[in-house]
Amino acid sequence: MAVKIRLRRVGTRNVPCYRIVVADQRSPRDGRFIENIGTYDPQKVKNNFQVDLERAKHWISKGAQPSDTVRSILKKAEKAQTAAPAAQA
């Protein structure tokens, strides 16, 4: 079974909002998924995503392939996580 980490649309018409999910590659975009690992709201300017990086790394280590958009969101989340402890100190 090929597993992908991708976006699942849950917003209403003209107000998109997405969940970052781990799903079988063959399932439809808004269909069955294995696990919900975050959210993405393109309407917001800053802090428009929330991701459980530990679960994302777990699934990537198991062979899950992130989509291009999710890959960029994960990159931003890792960057924000490394910057947050430095800002608190």
Protein backbone atom coordinates (compact mmCIF):
# COMPACT_ATOMS: atom_id res chain seq x y z
CA MET A 1 0.00 0.00 0.00
CA ALA A 2 1.47 3.35 -1.08
CA VAL A 3 0.93 6.02 1.56
CA LYS A 4 0.92 9.79 0.95
CA ILE A 5 0.83 12.77 3.27
CA ARG A 6 -1.49 15.26 1.60
CA LEU A 7 -4.14 17.93 2.06
CA ARG A 8 -7.82 17.13 2.59
CA ARG A 9 -10.22 20.01 1.95
CA VAL A 10 -12.77 20.65 4.69
CA GLY A 11 -13.66 24.30 4.10
CA THR A 12 -16.83 25.64 2.58
CA ARG A 13 -17.18 27.16 -0.87
CA ASN A 14 -14.80 30.11 -1.36
CA VAL A 15 -13.37 29.58 2.15
CA PRO A 16 -10.77 26.82 1.81
CA CYS A 17 -9.38 25.10 4.89
CA TYR A 18 -7.37 21.91 4.81
CA ARG A 19 -6.37 19.06 7.08
CA ILE A 20 -2.98 17.44 6.64
CA VAL A 21 -3.66 13.72 6.54
CA VAL A 22 -1.87 10.44 5.94
CA ALA A 23 -3.87 8.50 3.34
CA ASP A 24 -3.63 5.64 0.90
CA GLN A 25 -2.58 6.97 -2.49
CA ARG A 26 -5.61 5.37 -4.17
CA SER A 27 -8.24 6.99 -1.93
CA PRO A 28 -9.96 10.20 -3.16
CA ARG A 29 -8.83 13.63 -1.97
CA ASP A 30 -11.61 14.01 0.60
CA GLY A 31 -12.11 10.29 1.19
CA ARG A 32 -10.72 7.82 3.71
CA PHE A 33 -7.53 8.62 5.57
CA ILE A 34 -5.32 6.83 8.06
CA GLU A 35 -4.41 9.68 10.42
CA ASN A 36 -4.95 13.42 10.75
CA ILE A 37 -1.64 15.12 11.62
CA GLY A 38 -2.39 18.83 11.22
CA THR A 39 -4.25 21.71 9.64
CA TYR A 40 -3.55 24.40 7.04
CA ASP A 41 -5.54 27.61 6.55
CA PRO A 42 -4.41 29.53 3.45
CA GLN A 43 -6.67 32.49 4.34
CA LYS A 44 -4.44 33.49 7.27
CA VAL A 45 -1.25 35.45 6.72
CA LYS A 46 0.90 34.17 9.60
CA ASN A 47 0.69 30.97 11.63
CA ASN A 48 -1.55 29.42 9.00
CA PHE A 49 -0.58 25.83 9.79
CA GLN A 50 -0.40 23.45 12.72
CA VAL A 51 1.47 20.16 12.30
CA ASP A 52 2.41 17.29 14.59
CA LEU A 53 6.02 17.00 13.39
CA GLU A 54 6.70 13.84 15.38
CA ARG A 55 3.89 11.96 13.63
CA ALA A 56 4.94 13.39 10.25
CA LYS A 57 8.52 12.18 10.78
CA HIS A 58 7.19 8.80 11.89
CA TRP A 59 5.16 8.35 8.71
CA ILE A 60 8.00 9.58 6.49
CA SER A 61 10.31 7.04 8.14
CA LYS A 62 7.73 4.34 7.31
CA GLY A 63 7.84 5.35 3.62
CA ALA A 64 5.03 7.92 3.28
CA GLN A 65 5.59 10.48 0.53
CA PRO A 66 4.49 14.07 1.24
CA SER A 67 2.90 16.10 -1.55
CA ASP A 68 4.76 19.22 -2.72
CA THR A 69 2.57 21.57 -0.67
CA VAL A 70 2.82 19.44 2.46
CA ARG A 71 6.60 19.17 2.01
CA SER A 72 6.88 22.99 2.05
CA ILE A 73 4.56 23.22 5.09
CA LEU A 74 6.68 20.66 6.95
CA LYS A 75 9.83 22.61 6.08
CA LYS A 76 8.28 25.82 7.47
CA ALA A 77 7.09 23.99 10.60
CA GLU A 78 10.57 22.60 11.29
CA LYS A 79 12.06 26.05 10.79
CA ALA A 80 9.51 27.60 13.17
CA GLN A 81 10.10 24.87 15.76
CA THR A 82 13.88 25.44 15.77
CA ALA A 83 13.41 29.21 15.99
CA ALA A 84 10.88 29.00 18.87
CA PRO A 85 13.28 27.61 21.56
CA ALA A 86 15.89 30.21 20.60
CA ALA A 87 13.33 33.01 20.97
CA GLN A 88 12.23 31.78 24.41
CA ALA A 89 15.80 31.66 25.80
